[in-house]
Amino acid sequence: MEERVFEGLEYLISYPKGFQEDKEYPLVIFLHGAGARGKTMERLRKTSSVQNLLKRQDTRGYILLAPFCKRGDWNEWMAMLIRLVEVYREIPYIDETRIHLTGNSMGGYGTWTLATLYPYWFASVMPICGGGISGFAKNLVGLPIRAFHGLRDKNIDPIESLQMAKAVNLFGGHAELILFPELEHNCWDAVYSDEKNYDWLFSFTARPDEFVIEELSGAYYG
């Protein structure tokens, strides 16, 4: 993985074997949890989540982008994160209809937040043991979501994931919530080691026109 910096936001980027700039690739954006914060990205590199995502990279053929929240939380870095994603969406070898967002714990919160802000950017979203502002769930109606949480989680109450998934579905969206009865906070190892979740993640392509139509349908013309 290469280390790079964009407007003060450090990040890791990894390309699949045989990468060619004249082809288009899916992009997976991973937002890490609080445990990977620090002065260097060494903890982020070594997280089981990054390692699991790297293991599938060559066979699945995606580019992996892992921004680094060195301190604070993702809300503090959100503006820079948004600009970073904007830049990568414009790169010719990134298929902008196949950008997939996922994250765990603090990164699960970041995933919900970024998705509610720019839902049309993403083909699918997998937030793990996180939460968000349920009042913004209407923004996610057209976005495929699969959320996860361990029922024995003592760090983040599973109700956080439940409230978001329920709110999305009440607005008419499609949010699936998978609960692990025996797992505590770390349920991400179970998620990122299960090939079925990768099958799900990559089975969608973004349809930004639908979001535009939805927004315009609520417009008022005087």
C-alpha atoms as a PDB file:
ATOM      1  CA  MET A   1       0.000   0.000   0.000  1.00  0.00           C
ATOM      2  CA  GLU A   2       1.216   3.460  -0.871  1.00  0.00           C
ATOM      3  CA  GLU A   3       1.104   6.310   1.638  1.00  0.00           C
ATOM      4  CA  ARG A   4      -0.143   9.631   0.299  1.00  0.00           C
ATOM      5  CA  VAL A   5      -1.349  12.996   1.623  1.00  0.00           C
ATOM      6  CA  PHE A   6      -4.185  15.167   0.322  1.00  0.00           C
ATOM      7  CA  GLU A   7      -4.760  18.593   1.883  1.00  0.00           C
ATOM      8  CA  GLY A   8      -3.404  17.349   5.205  1.00  0.00           C
ATOM      9  CA  LEU A   9      -5.399  14.098   5.127  1.00  0.00           C
ATOM     10  CA  GLU A  10      -3.098  11.094   4.969  1.00  0.00           C
ATOM     11  CA  TYR A  11      -4.334   7.914   3.328  1.00  0.00           C
ATOM     12  CA  LEU A  12      -3.349   4.498   2.044  1.00  0.00           C
ATOM     13  CA  ILE A  13      -4.047   3.423  -1.520  1.00  0.00           C
ATOM     14  CA  SER A  14      -3.628  -0.057  -2.990  1.00  0.00           C
ATOM     15  CA  TYR A  15      -4.139  -1.310  -6.539  1.00  0.00           C
ATOM     16  CA  PRO A  16      -5.016  -4.820  -7.683  1.00  0.00           C
ATOM     17  CA  LYS A  17      -2.500  -7.044  -9.429  1.00  0.00           C
ATOM     18  CA  GLY A  18      -2.235  -6.225 -13.116  1.00  0.00           C
ATOM     19  CA  PHE A  19      -3.578  -2.697 -12.646  1.00  0.00           C
ATOM     20  CA  GLN A  20      -3.719  -0.658 -15.853  1.00  0.00           C
ATOM     21  CA  GLU A  21      -4.531   3.045 -15.998  1.00  0.00           C
ATOM     22  CA  ASP A  22      -6.486   2.670 -19.233  1.00  0.00           C
ATOM     23  CA  LYS A  23      -9.090   0.430 -17.561  1.00  0.00           C
ATOM     24  CA  GLU A  24     -11.822   1.210 -15.038  1.00  0.00           C
ATOM     25  CA  TYR A  25     -11.919  -0.338 -11.557  1.00  0.00           C
ATOM     26  CA  PRO A  26     -14.311  -0.395  -8.608  1.00  0.00           C
ATOM     27  CA  LEU A  27     -13.169   1.629  -5.601  1.00  0.00           C
ATOM     28  CA  VAL A  28     -13.631   0.495  -1.990  1.00  0.00           C
ATOM     29  CA  ILE A  29     -13.327   3.249   0.611  1.00  0.00           C
ATOM     30  CA  PHE A  30     -12.613   1.981   4.123  1.00  0.00           C
ATOM     31  CA  LEU A  31     -12.961   4.192   7.217  1.00  0.00           C
ATOM     32  CA  HIS A  32     -11.122   2.785  10.225  1.00  0.00           C
ATOM     33  CA  GLY A  33     -12.060   2.802  13.892  1.00  0.00           C
ATOM     34  CA  ALA A  34     -10.584   4.730  16.814  1.00  0.00           C
ATOM     35  CA  GLY A  35      -8.021   2.030  17.582  1.00  0.00           C
ATOM     36  CA  ALA A  36      -6.078   2.771  14.384  1.00  0.00           C
ATOM     37  CA  ARG A  37      -5.460   6.432  15.227  1.00  0.00           C
ATOM     38  CA  GLY A  38      -1.928   7.589  15.975  1.00  0.00           C
ATOM     39  CA  LYS A  39       1.087   9.500  14.695  1.00  0.00           C
ATOM     40  CA  THR A  40       1.752   7.050  11.854  1.00  0.00           C
ATOM     41  CA  MET A  41      -0.367   4.803   9.648  1.00  0.00           C
ATOM     42  CA  GLU A  42       1.287   1.629  10.881  1.00  0.00           C
ATOM     43  CA  ARG A  43      -1.708   0.671  13.042  1.00  0.00           C
ATOM     44  CA  LEU A  44      -4.031   1.232  10.101  1.00  0.00           C
ATOM     45  CA  ARG A  45      -1.898  -0.969   7.858  1.00  0.00           C
ATOM     46  CA  LYS A  46      -1.988  -3.784  10.402  1.00  0.00           C
ATOM     47  CA  THR A  47      -5.705  -3.729  11.204  1.00  0.00           C
ATOM     48  CA  SER A  48      -7.484  -6.978  10.473  1.00  0.00           C
ATOM     49  CA  SER A  49      -9.989  -5.031   8.377  1.00  0.00           C
ATOM     50  CA  VAL A  50      -7.361  -3.665   5.998  1.00  0.00           C
ATOM     51  CA  GLN A  51      -5.669  -7.050   5.822  1.00  0.00           C
ATOM     52  CA  ASN A  52      -8.957  -8.778   4.991  1.00  0.00           C
ATOM     53  CA  LEU A  53      -9.759  -6.190   2.321  1.00  0.00           C
ATOM     54  CA  LEU A  54      -6.290  -6.595   0.808  1.00  0.00           C
ATOM     55  CA  LYS A  55      -6.671 -10.384   0.673  1.00  0.00           C
ATOM     56  CA  ARG A  56      -9.689 -10.066  -1.649  1.00  0.00           C
ATOM     57  CA  GLN A  57      -8.313  -7.239  -3.752  1.00  0.00           C
ATOM     58  CA  ASP A  58      -6.668  -9.220  -6.550  1.00  0.00           C
ATOM     59  CA  THR A  59      -9.505 -11.694  -7.027  1.00  0.00           C
ATOM     60  CA  ARG A  60     -12.201  -9.011  -6.816  1.00  0.00           C
ATOM     61  CA  GLY A  61     -10.223  -6.469  -8.816  1.00  0.00           C
ATOM     62  CA  TYR A  62     -10.847  -3.303  -6.817  1.00  0.00           C
ATOM     63  CA  ILE A  63      -8.771  -0.345  -5.702  1.00  0.00           C
ATOM     64  CA  LEU A  64      -8.659   0.131  -1.934  1.00  0.00           C
ATOM     65  CA  LEU A  65      -8.620   3.626  -0.428  1.00  0.00           C
ATOM     66  CA  ALA A  66      -8.113   3.881   3.342  1.00  0.00           C
ATOM     67  CA  PRO A  67      -8.026   7.464   4.716  1.00  0.00           C
ATOM     68  CA  PHE A  68      -6.281   8.034   8.037  1.00  0.00           C
ATOM     69  CA  CYS A  69      -7.952   9.807  10.950  1.00  0.00           C
ATOM     70  CA  LYS A  70      -4.851  10.442  13.043  1.00  0.00           C
ATOM     71  CA  ARG A  71      -6.747  12.171  15.875  1.00  0.00           C
ATOM     72  CA  GLY A  72     -10.280  13.171  16.806  1.00  0.00           C
ATOM     73  CA  ASP A  73     -13.048  11.529  14.818  1.00  0.00           C
ATOM     74  CA  TRP A  74     -14.252  11.453  11.218  1.00  0.00           C
ATOM     75  CA  ASN A  75     -16.507  14.475  11.696  1.00  0.00           C
ATOM     76  CA  GLU A  76     -13.404  16.606  12.192  1.00  0.00           C
ATOM     77  CA  TRP A  77     -11.900  15.328   8.933  1.00  0.00           C
ATOM     78  CA  MET A  78     -15.144  15.144   6.946  1.00  0.00           C
ATOM     79  CA  ALA A  79     -14.523  18.198   4.760  1.00  0.00           C
ATOM     80  CA  MET A  80     -11.119  16.875   3.656  1.00  0.00           C
ATOM     81  CA  LEU A  81     -12.521  13.368   3.262  1.00  0.00           C
ATOM     82  CA  ILE A  82     -15.253  14.689   0.979  1.00  0.00           C
ATOM     83  CA  ARG A  83     -12.719  16.517  -1.184  1.00  0.00           C
ATOM     84  CA  LEU A  84     -10.534  13.408  -1.355  1.00  0.00           C
ATOM     85  CA  VAL A  85     -13.430  11.289  -2.591  1.00  0.00           C
ATOM     86  CA  GLU A  86     -14.347  14.018  -5.082  1.00  0.00           C
ATOM     87  CA  VAL A  87     -10.841  13.835  -6.533  1.00  0.00           C
ATOM     88  CA  TYR A  88     -10.888  10.053  -6.859  1.00  0.00           C
ATOM     89  CA  ARG A  89     -14.337  10.076  -8.470  1.00  0.00           C
ATOM     90  CA  GLU A  90     -12.828  12.131 -11.306  1.00  0.00           C
ATOM     91  CA  ILE A  91      -9.842   9.864 -11.957  1.00  0.00           C
ATOM     92  CA  PRO A  92     -10.355   8.080 -15.312  1.00  0.00           C
ATOM     93  CA  TYR A  93      -9.457   4.608 -14.004  1.00  0.00           C
ATOM     94  CA  ILE A  94     -12.079   4.830 -11.225  1.00  0.00           C
ATOM     95  CA  ASP A  95     -15.529   3.637 -12.261  1.00  0.00           C
ATOM     96  CA  GLU A  96     -17.674   6.287 -10.565  1.00  0.00           C
ATOM     97  CA  THR A  97     -20.703   3.977 -10.708  1.00  0.00           C
ATOM     98  CA  ARG A  98     -18.860   1.357  -8.622  1.00  0.00           C
ATOM     99  CA  ILE A  99     -17.637   3.202  -5.543  1.00  0.00           C
ATOM    100  CA  HIS A 100     -18.379   1.271  -2.351  1.00  0.00           C
ATOM    101  CA  LEU A 101     -18.146   2.637   1.196  1.00  0.00           C
ATOM    102  CA  THR A 102     -17.547   0.722   4.416  1.00  0.00           C
ATOM    103  CA  GLY A 103     -16.119   1.291   7.889  1.00  0.00           C
ATOM    104  CA  ASN A 104     -16.163  -0.038  11.430  1.00  0.00           C
ATOM    105  CA  SER A 105     -16.819   1.505  14.859  1.00  0.00           C
ATOM    106  CA  MET A 106     -15.777   5.169  14.583  1.00  0.00           C
ATOM    107  CA  GLY A 107     -15.533   4.438  10.865  1.00  0.00           C
ATOM    108  CA  GLY A 108     -19.044   3.018  10.980  1.00  0.00           C
ATOM    109  CA  TYR A 109     -20.263   6.422  12.159  1.00  0.00           C
ATOM    110  CA  GLY A 110     -18.191   8.052   9.438  1.00  0.00           C
ATOM    111  CA  THR A 111     -19.720   5.725   6.868  1.00  0.00           C
ATOM    112  CA  TRP A 112     -23.274   6.627   7.849  1.00  0.00           C
ATOM    113  CA  THR A 113     -22.395  10.340   7.861  1.00  0.00           C
ATOM    114  CA  LEU A 114     -20.634  10.430   4.486  1.00  0.00           C
ATOM    115  CA  ALA A 115     -23.381   8.332   2.915  1.00  0.00           C
ATOM    116  CA  THR A 116     -26.128  10.673   4.150  1.00  0.00           C
ATOM    117  CA  LEU A 117     -24.226  13.680   2.788  1.00  0.00           C
ATOM    118  CA  TYR A 118     -23.475  12.242  -0.667  1.00  0.00           C
ATOM    119  CA  PRO A 119     -25.613   9.135  -1.215  1.00  0.00           C
ATOM    120  CA  TYR A 120     -25.409   9.365  -5.008  1.00  0.00           C
ATOM    121  CA  TRP A 121     -21.642   8.881  -4.885  1.00  0.00           C
ATOM    122  CA  PHE A 122     -21.913   5.287  -3.752  1.00  0.00           C
ATOM    123  CA  ALA A 123     -23.100   2.016  -5.268  1.00  0.00           C
ATOM    124  CA  SER A 124     -23.454   0.315  -1.865  1.00  0.00           C
ATOM    125  CA  VAL A 125     -22.604   0.945   1.782  1.00  0.00           C
ATOM    126  CA  MET A 126     -21.616  -1.379   4.663  1.00  0.00           C
ATOM    127  CA  PRO A 127     -21.447   0.391   8.058  1.00  0.00           C
ATOM    128  CA  ILE A 128     -20.256  -1.831  10.910  1.00  0.00           C
ATOM    129  CA  CYS A 129     -21.108  -1.191  14.586  1.00  0.00           C
ATOM    130  CA  GLY A 130     -21.702   2.506  14.038  1.00  0.00           C
ATOM    131  CA  GLY A 131     -24.584   4.931  14.027  1.00  0.00           C
ATOM    132  CA  GLY A 132     -25.824   8.189  12.605  1.00  0.00           C
ATOM    133  CA  ILE A 133     -28.541  10.821  12.685  1.00  0.00           C
ATOM    134  CA  SER A 134     -31.791   9.053  11.887  1.00  0.00           C
ATOM    135  CA  GLY A 135     -33.390  12.304  10.751  1.00  0.00           C
ATOM    136  CA  PHE A 136     -31.090  12.257   7.729  1.00  0.00           C
ATOM    137  CA  ALA A 137     -32.085   8.712   6.779  1.00  0.00           C
ATOM    138  CA  LYS A 138     -34.384   9.951   4.023  1.00  0.00           C
ATOM    139  CA  ASN A 139     -31.252  10.781   2.021  1.00  0.00           C
ATOM    140  CA  LEU A 140     -30.412   7.063   1.920  1.00  0.00           C
ATOM    141  CA  VAL A 141     -33.653   5.775   0.416  1.00  0.00           C
ATOM    142  CA  GLY A 142     -32.101   4.915  -2.954  1.00  0.00           C
ATOM    143  CA  LEU A 143     -28.868   3.450  -1.581  1.00  0.00           C
ATOM    144  CA  PRO A 144     -28.301  -0.286  -0.879  1.00  0.00           C
ATOM    145  CA  ILE A 145     -27.190  -0.604   2.758  1.00  0.00           C
ATOM    146  CA  ARG A 146     -26.094  -3.636   4.751  1.00  0.00           C
ATOM    147  CA  ALA A 147     -25.267  -2.798   8.383  1.00  0.00           C
ATOM    148  CA  PHE A 148     -23.784  -5.064  11.047  1.00  0.00           C
ATOM    149  CA  HIS A 149     -23.582  -5.090  14.825  1.00  0.00           C
ATOM    150  CA  GLY A 150     -22.687  -7.494  17.622  1.00  0.00           C
ATOM    151  CA  LEU A 151     -25.526  -7.855  20.108  1.00  0.00           C
ATOM    152  CA  ARG A 152     -23.044  -8.074  22.992  1.00  0.00           C
ATOM    153  CA  ASP A 153     -21.292  -4.860  22.006  1.00  0.00           C
ATOM    154  CA  LYS A 154     -20.456  -2.905  25.161  1.00  0.00           C
ATOM    155  CA  ASN A 155     -18.707  -0.058  23.317  1.00  0.00           C
ATOM    156  CA  ILE A 156     -21.493   1.007  20.964  1.00  0.00           C
ATOM    157  CA  ASP A 157     -25.074   0.037  21.699  1.00  0.00           C
ATOM    158  CA  PRO A 158     -26.588  -2.063  18.865  1.00  0.00           C
ATOM    159  CA  ILE A 159     -29.587   0.279  19.008  1.00  0.00           C
ATOM    160  CA  GLU A 160     -27.418   2.768  17.083  1.00  0.00           C
ATOM    161  CA  SER A 161     -27.391   0.534  14.001  1.00  0.00           C
ATOM    162  CA  LEU A 162     -31.006  -0.491  14.529  1.00  0.00           C
ATOM    163  CA  GLN A 163     -32.253   3.098  14.644  1.00  0.00           C
ATOM    164  CA  MET A 164     -30.507   4.005  11.401  1.00  0.00           C
ATOM    165  CA  ALA A 165     -31.619   0.894   9.493  1.00  0.00           C
ATOM    166  CA  LYS A 166     -35.175   1.273  10.768  1.00  0.00           C
ATOM    167  CA  ALA A 167     -35.294   4.951   9.805  1.00  0.00           C
ATOM    168  CA  VAL A 168     -34.064   4.248   6.276  1.00  0.00           C
ATOM    169  CA  ASN A 169     -36.698   1.577   5.804  1.00  0.00           C
ATOM    170  CA  LEU A 170     -39.486   3.705   7.257  1.00  0.00           C
ATOM    171  CA  PHE A 171     -38.725   6.256   4.554  1.00  0.00           C
ATOM    172  CA  GLY A 172     -39.013   3.489   1.963  1.00  0.00           C
ATOM    173  CA  GLY A 173     -35.342   2.589   1.621  1.00  0.00           C
ATOM    174  CA  HIS A 174     -33.491  -0.721   1.624  1.00  0.00           C
ATOM    175  CA  ALA A 175     -31.321  -1.076   4.712  1.00  0.00           C
ATOM    176  CA  GLU A 176     -30.523  -4.581   5.916  1.00  0.00           C
ATOM    177  CA  LEU A 177     -29.263  -5.089   9.465  1.00  0.00           C
ATOM    178  CA  ILE A 178     -27.351  -8.234  10.385  1.00  0.00           C
ATOM    179  CA  LEU A 179     -26.883  -8.855  14.103  1.00  0.00           C
ATOM    180  CA  PHE A 180     -24.369 -11.269  15.608  1.00  0.00           C
ATOM    181  CA  PRO A 181     -25.880 -12.701  18.837  1.00  0.00           C
ATOM    182  CA  GLU A 182     -22.564 -13.975  20.239  1.00  0.00           C
ATOM    183  CA  LEU A 183     -20.222 -11.166  19.183  1.00  0.00           C
ATOM    184  CA  GLU A 184     -19.169  -8.069  21.092  1.00  0.00           C
ATOM    185  CA  HIS A 185     -17.699  -4.879  19.585  1.00  0.00           C
ATOM    186  CA  ASN A 186     -15.422  -6.558  17.078  1.00  0.00           C
ATOM    187  CA  CYS A 187     -17.839  -8.043  14.611  1.00  0.00           C
ATOM    188  CA  TRP A 188     -15.887  -6.656  11.643  1.00  0.00           C
ATOM    189  CA  ASP A 189     -13.626  -9.701  11.439  1.00  0.00           C
ATOM    190  CA  ALA A 190     -16.724 -11.804  10.791  1.00  0.00           C
ATOM    191  CA  VAL A 191     -17.945  -9.297   8.192  1.00  0.00           C
ATOM    192  CA  TYR A 192     -14.741  -8.798   6.217  1.00  0.00           C
ATOM    193  CA  SER A 193     -13.848 -12.489   6.200  1.00  0.00           C
ATOM    194  CA  ASP A 194     -17.210 -13.540   4.737  1.00  0.00           C
ATOM    195  CA  GLU A 195     -17.158 -13.732   0.937  1.00  0.00           C
ATOM    196  CA  LYS A 196     -20.942 -13.334   0.797  1.00  0.00           C
ATOM    197  CA  ASN A 197     -20.567  -9.747   1.969  1.00  0.00           C
ATOM    198  CA  TYR A 198     -18.205  -8.994  -0.901  1.00  0.00           C
ATOM    199  CA  ASP A 199     -20.679 -10.614  -3.288  1.00  0.00           C
ATOM    200  CA  TRP A 200     -23.343  -8.280  -1.935  1.00  0.00           C
ATOM    201  CA  LEU A 201     -21.134  -5.178  -1.928  1.00  0.00           C
ATOM    202  CA  PHE A 202     -20.118  -5.526  -5.572  1.00  0.00           C
ATOM    203  CA  SER A 203     -23.529  -6.551  -6.885  1.00  0.00           C
ATOM    204  CA  PHE A 204     -24.646  -2.900  -7.145  1.00  0.00           C
ATOM    205  CA  THR A 205     -23.836   0.047  -9.358  1.00  0.00           C
ATOM    206  CA  ALA A 206     -24.673   3.646  -8.543  1.00  0.00           C
ATOM    207  CA  ARG A 207     -27.656   5.326 -10.191  1.00  0.00           C
ATOM    208  CA  PRO A 208     -27.096   9.026  -9.483  1.00  0.00           C
ATOM    209  CA  ASP A 209     -29.900  10.109 -11.841  1.00  0.00           C
ATOM    210  CA  GLU A 210     -32.455   8.547  -9.478  1.00  0.00           C
ATOM    211  CA  PHE A 211     -31.223  10.731  -6.598  1.00  0.00           C
ATOM    212  CA  VAL A 212     -31.450  13.831  -8.775  1.00  0.00           C
ATOM    213  CA  ILE A 213     -35.012  12.964  -9.818  1.00  0.00           C
ATOM    214  CA  GLU A 214     -35.964  12.364  -6.160  1.00  0.00           C
ATOM    215  CA  GLU A 215     -34.577  15.753  -5.141  1.00  0.00           C
ATOM    216  CA  LEU A 216     -36.296  17.562  -7.989  1.00  0.00           C
ATOM    217  CA  SER A 217     -39.610  15.869  -7.215  1.00  0.00           C
ATOM    218  CA  GLY A 218     -39.727  17.808  -3.977  1.00  0.00           C
ATOM    219  CA  ALA A 219     -38.912  21.137  -5.607  1.00  0.00           C
ATOM    220  CA  TYR A 220     -41.389  24.006  -5.715  1.00  0.00           C
ATOM    221  CA  TYR A 221     -41.772  26.147  -8.760  1.00  0.00           C
ATOM    222  CA  GLY A 222     -43.526  29.487  -8.210  1.00  0.00           C
END
